[in-house]
């Protein structure tokens, strides 16, 4: 669906909009990532931090922000959890609906992550946003707006689980240092460009956008949005295991899982 740049949703770049409007990308999303180690690791990490299923009559409600084709839903629905699946791509949500074996436990909402007025206040027992979905939001102010509105939807004491890629692991790539210098330089002189922004070719799309975080940037963003008890867990370069934090972790980690809570107060 062609749309002029000035009419794109808040925080959505041209490349991301084209990605969201691609039926073919949604159709082969699961097969394309079938062997991706990180997509196994993040589900394992999530299941270690789920809220308890104490009352089968009132199962916890978990929101998956940037749900894609519903891999989180397919992992958690059989366990008894209720899922609120949010994505801006109608094609991704259609794939989720087609593949779910537990439609009664799933609610699908087509919405921009920057505008989560669709979520009722104090309604979620947990929220997740995996595979660097937050990095697809362009602009610090829009990422902050996403986190603040999501916090309002969490129940007191509930937690958010995020995944991001680590900006400084690019130092280990042949072209990484040059990219770091270029994105930093461009952020100094170009409006609406931030240190860590990256535009690249992806599956036939010429200008896919992703913001890549540092550990300190993500922690500061979560605290600014009002989250507490922020826990950062580093992931190795291959994405198949978490790492024990060490002195050089900010340079050697491939990414991070971040757990952050809403205060019970």
Protein backbone atom coordinates (compact mmCIF):
# COMPACT_ATOMS: atom_id res chain seq x y z
CA UNK A 1 0.00 0.00 0.00
CA UNK A 2 1.70 3.17 -1.20
CA UNK A 3 1.54 6.05 1.25
CA UNK A 4 3.33 9.41 1.18
CA UNK A 5 6.09 9.80 3.76
CA UNK A 6 4.26 12.56 5.61
CA UNK A 7 1.34 10.20 6.24
CA UNK A 8 3.37 7.36 7.73
CA UNK A 9 2.45 6.41 11.31
CA UNK A 10 4.52 7.93 14.11
CA UNK A 11 7.86 6.21 14.55
CA UNK A 12 7.51 4.17 11.33
CA UNK A 13 10.15 4.69 8.64
CA UNK A 14 9.53 4.19 4.93
CA UNK A 15 11.48 0.93 4.97
CA UNK A 16 9.57 -0.39 7.98
CA UNK A 17 6.26 0.54 6.36
CA UNK A 18 7.20 -1.41 3.23
CA UNK A 19 8.15 -4.37 5.45
CA UNK A 20 4.80 -4.26 7.24
CA UNK A 21 2.92 -4.16 3.94
CA UNK A 22 4.69 -7.20 2.47
CA UNK A 23 2.46 -10.25 2.26
CA UNK A 24 5.35 -12.43 1.06
CA UNK A 25 7.56 -11.58 4.05
CA UNK A 26 4.74 -12.47 6.43
CA UNK A 27 4.00 -15.66 4.51
CA UNK A 28 7.49 -17.13 4.78
CA UNK A 29 8.53 -15.46 8.05
CA UNK A 30 8.47 -18.67 10.11
CA UNK A 31 10.36 -20.74 7.56
CA UNK A 32 12.92 -17.97 7.03
CA UNK A 33 13.79 -17.91 10.74
CA UNK A 34 13.20 -21.59 11.49
CA UNK A 35 16.86 -22.26 12.34
CA UNK A 36 17.61 -18.93 14.04
CA UNK A 37 19.20 -19.67 17.42
CA UNK A 38 17.96 -16.46 19.05
CA UNK A 39 14.34 -17.37 18.39
CA UNK A 40 14.80 -20.49 20.47
CA UNK A 41 16.79 -18.76 23.18
CA UNK A 42 14.34 -15.91 23.76
CA UNK A 43 11.41 -18.30 24.23
CA UNK A 44 13.45 -20.32 26.73
CA UNK A 45 14.36 -17.13 28.60
CA UNK A 46 10.73 -15.96 28.54
CA UNK A 47 9.44 -19.22 29.99
CA UNK A 48 11.86 -18.85 32.90
CA UNK A 49 10.25 -15.52 33.83
CA UNK A 50 6.54 -16.07 33.22
CA UNK A 51 3.96 -15.12 35.85
CA UNK A 52 2.59 -18.19 37.65
CA UNK A 53 -0.55 -19.99 36.50
CA UNK A 54 -2.15 -20.08 39.94
CA UNK A 55 -5.80 -19.96 38.88
CA UNK A 56 -6.82 -21.75 35.64
CA UNK A 57 -10.08 -19.80 35.67
CA UNK A 58 -8.17 -16.49 35.58
CA UNK A 59 -5.03 -17.10 33.54
CA UNK A 60 -2.43 -14.33 33.29
CA UNK A 61 -2.72 -11.99 30.31
CA UNK A 62 0.49 -11.42 28.34
CA UNK A 63 0.87 -8.86 25.57
CA UNK A 64 3.25 -9.55 22.69
CA UNK A 65 4.21 -6.21 21.14
CA UNK A 66 5.38 -6.66 17.56
CA UNK A 67 4.02 -10.19 17.64
CA UNK A 68 4.68 -11.04 14.00
CA UNK A 69 3.21 -14.39 13.07
CA UNK A 70 2.64 -15.41 16.68
CA UNK A 71 5.52 -17.59 17.76
CA UNK A 72 5.13 -16.37 21.38
CA UNK A 73 1.44 -17.21 21.23
CA UNK A 74 2.15 -20.69 19.88
CA UNK A 75 4.54 -21.28 22.78
CA UNK A 76 2.38 -19.90 25.60
CA UNK A 77 -1.23 -20.58 24.61
CA UNK A 78 -0.89 -24.38 25.13
CA UNK A 79 0.34 -23.64 28.67
CA UNK A 80 -2.89 -21.79 29.47
CA UNK A 81 -1.87 -18.14 29.12
CA UNK A 82 -4.03 -15.56 27.38
CA UNK A 83 -2.30 -13.51 24.70
CA UNK A 84 -2.90 -10.01 23.42
CA UNK A 85 -1.05 -9.92 20.10
CA UNK A 86 -0.25 -6.45 18.74
CA UNK A 87 1.30 -5.73 15.34
CA UNK A 88 0.91 -3.07 12.67
CA UNK A 89 1.06 -5.64 9.87
CA UNK A 90 -2.32 -7.09 8.93
CA UNK A 91 -0.49 -9.85 7.04
CA UNK A 92 1.44 -10.94 10.13
CA UNK A 93 -1.76 -11.02 12.19
CA UNK A 94 -3.50 -13.04 9.47
CA UNK A 95 -0.71 -15.63 9.66
CA UNK A 96 -1.05 -15.74 13.45
CA UNK A 97 -4.79 -16.28 13.23
CA UNK A 98 -4.37 -18.99 10.60
CA UNK A 99 -1.76 -20.90 12.60
CA UNK A 100 -3.09 -20.67 16.15
CA UNK A 101 -4.62 -23.79 17.69
CA UNK A 102 -6.08 -21.78 20.58
CA UNK A 103 -8.11 -18.92 19.09
CA UNK A 104 -10.15 -18.55 22.26
CA UNK A 105 -6.99 -17.58 24.17
CA UNK A 106 -5.77 -15.03 21.64
CA UNK A 107 -6.77 -11.46 20.91
CA UNK A 108 -5.21 -9.81 17.86
CA UNK A 109 -4.95 -6.02 17.54
CA UNK A 110 -3.60 -4.14 14.55
CA UNK A 111 -1.91 -1.08 16.03
CA UNK A 112 1.20 1.04 15.97
CA UNK A 113 3.42 0.35 19.01
CA UNK A 114 3.80 4.10 19.49
CA UNK A 115 0.05 4.39 20.06
CA UNK A 116 -1.14 1.73 22.51
CA UNK A 117 -4.42 3.30 23.50
CA UNK A 118 -5.94 -0.05 22.52
CA UNK A 119 -4.60 -1.57 25.75
CA UNK A 120 -6.66 -1.01 28.89
CA UNK A 121 -4.84 0.43 31.91
CA UNK A 122 -3.70 -2.11 34.51
CA UNK A 123 -4.75 -5.02 32.32
CA UNK A 124 -1.53 -6.97 31.65
CA UNK A 125 0.28 -9.44 33.85
CA UNK A 126 3.34 -9.29 31.58
CA UNK A 127 4.44 -7.78 28.27
CA UNK A 128 7.10 -8.93 25.84
CA UNK A 129 8.69 -7.32 22.80
CA UNK A 130 11.25 -9.65 21.26
CA UNK A 131 13.66 -9.82 18.33
CA UNK A 132 14.48 -6.12 18.63
CA UNK A 133 10.96 -4.95 17.79
CA UNK A 134 11.62 -1.78 19.79
CA UNK A 135 14.56 -1.10 17.47
CA UNK A 136 12.16 -0.85 14.55
CA UNK A 137 10.62 2.26 16.14
CA UNK A 138 12.34 5.33 14.72
CA UNK A 139 13.12 8.18 17.09
CA UNK A 140 13.94 8.31 20.80
CA UNK A 141 10.74 10.20 21.61
CA UNK A 142 8.64 7.52 19.93
CA UNK A 143 10.42 4.67 21.70
CA UNK A 144 9.90 6.49 25.00
CA UNK A 145 6.22 7.01 24.19
CA UNK A 146 5.86 3.29 23.45
CA UNK A 147 7.39 2.30 26.79
CA UNK A 148 5.38 4.84 28.79
CA UNK A 149 2.04 3.83 27.29
CA UNK A 150 2.89 0.16 27.75
CA UNK A 151 3.80 0.74 31.39
CA UNK A 152 0.31 2.15 31.98
CA UNK A 153 -1.19 -1.08 30.64
CA UNK A 154 0.83 -3.25 33.03
CA UNK A 155 -0.63 -4.19 36.37
CA UNK A 156 1.34 -3.00 39.40
CA UNK A 157 4.19 -5.46 39.90
CA UNK A 158 4.03 -6.79 36.33
CA UNK A 159 7.14 -6.93 34.16
CA UNK A 160 8.24 -6.21 30.62
CA UNK A 161 10.75 -8.35 28.70
CA UNK A 162 12.61 -6.70 25.82
CA UNK A 163 15.29 -7.85 23.41
CA UNK A 164 17.70 -5.55 21.61
CA UNK A 165 20.85 -5.99 19.56
CA UNK A 166 24.09 -4.55 20.97
CA UNK A 167 25.53 -1.61 19.06
CA UNK A 168 29.13 -2.36 19.99
CA UNK A 169 29.23 -5.99 18.90
CA UNK A 170 29.73 -4.51 15.43
CA UNK A 171 33.34 -3.89 16.46
CA UNK A 172 33.90 -7.59 15.76
CA UNK A 173 32.62 -7.28 12.17
CA UNK A 174 34.99 -6.21 9.37
CA UNK A 175 32.79 -3.26 8.42
CA UNK A 176 31.57 -2.58 11.95
CA UNK A 177 33.97 0.15 13.09
CA UNK A 178 33.29 2.13 9.92
CA UNK A 179 29.54 1.83 10.52
CA UNK A 180 29.90 3.03 14.12
CA UNK A 181 31.85 6.08 12.99
CA UNK A 182 29.41 6.85 10.20
CA UNK A 183 26.26 6.57 12.33
CA UNK A 184 27.84 8.71 15.04
CA UNK A 185 29.01 11.33 12.54
CA UNK A 186 25.63 11.44 10.83
CA UNK A 187 23.86 11.90 14.16
CA UNK A 188 25.85 15.09 14.75
CA UNK A 189 24.77 16.78 11.54
CA UNK A 190 21.54 15.15 10.32
CA UNK A 191 18.10 15.91 11.71
CA UNK A 192 16.11 12.86 12.82
CA UNK A 193 19.18 10.59 12.78
CA UNK A 194 20.46 9.08 16.03
CA UNK A 195 23.65 7.30 17.01
CA UNK A 196 22.84 3.64 16.44
CA UNK A 197 20.39 4.13 13.55
CA UNK A 198 20.97 1.80 10.63
CA UNK A 199 19.35 1.58 7.19
CA UNK A 200 20.12 -1.50 5.12
CA UNK A 201 18.86 -3.86 2.42
CA UNK A 202 16.68 -6.67 3.73
CA UNK A 203 14.83 -9.40 1.82
CA UNK A 204 14.29 -7.27 -1.25
CA UNK A 205 13.59 -4.07 0.66
CA UNK A 206 16.19 -1.36 -0.02
CA UNK A 207 15.84 0.73 3.14
CA UNK A 208 14.99 -1.36 6.21
CA UNK A 209 15.41 0.61 9.45
CA UNK A 210 16.73 -0.57 12.83
CA UNK A 211 17.98 1.33 15.84
CA UNK A 212 20.74 -0.61 17.60
CA UNK A 213 21.20 0.07 21.32
CA UNK A 214 23.99 0.19 23.80
CA UNK A 215 23.35 -1.35 27.20
CA UNK A 216 23.46 2.04 28.91
CA UNK A 217 21.08 3.62 26.42
CA UNK A 218 18.44 0.94 26.91
CA UNK A 219 18.69 1.08 30.70
CA UNK A 220 18.37 4.86 30.68
CA UNK A 221 15.37 4.67 28.35
CA UNK A 222 13.55 2.21 30.60
CA UNK A 223 14.23 4.27 33.72
CA UNK A 224 13.06 7.44 31.94
CA UNK A 225 9.80 5.65 31.07
CA UNK A 226 9.20 4.89 34.75
CA UNK A 227 10.29 1.25 34.98
CA UNK A 228 12.06 -0.11 38.02
CA UNK A 229 14.29 -3.08 38.88
CA UNK A 230 15.87 -3.14 35.43
CA UNK A 231 17.85 -6.35 34.85
CA UNK A 232 20.10 -6.67 31.79
CA UNK A 233 21.15 -10.14 30.62
CA UNK A 234 23.80 -10.27 27.87
CA UNK A 235 23.54 -12.70 24.95
CA UNK A 236 26.52 -14.14 23.11
CA UNK A 237 27.43 -13.24 19.53
CA UNK A 238 25.79 -16.33 18.03
CA UNK A 239 22.53 -15.76 19.91
CA UNK A 240 22.32 -19.28 21.31
CA UNK A 241 23.17 -18.64 24.98
CA UNK A 242 23.15 -15.96 27.64
CA UNK A 243 26.50 -14.76 28.99
CA UNK A 244 27.91 -14.21 32.44
CA UNK A 245 28.49 -10.45 32.80
CA UNK A 246 32.17 -9.50 32.62
CA UNK A 247 34.23 -6.35 32.22
CA UNK A 248 34.20 -6.49 28.41
CA UNK A 249 30.57 -7.61 28.10
CA UNK A 250 29.39 -4.24 26.65
CA UNK A 251 31.77 -4.88 23.73
CA UNK A 252 31.40 -8.63 23.33
CA UNK A 253 27.65 -9.24 23.78
CA UNK A 254 25.56 -9.76 20.68
CA UNK A 255 22.51 -8.30 22.40
CA UNK A 256 20.56 -8.09 25.64
CA UNK A 257 17.41 -9.28 27.31
CA UNK A 258 16.04 -6.56 29.58
CA UNK A 259 13.53 -7.26 32.34
CA UNK A 260 11.91 -4.22 33.89
CA UNK A 261 9.01 -3.87 36.28
CA UNK A 262 6.19 -1.52 37.12
CA UNK A 263 6.24 -0.61 40.78
CA UNK A 264 3.53 -1.98 43.05
CA UNK A 265 3.26 1.46 44.60
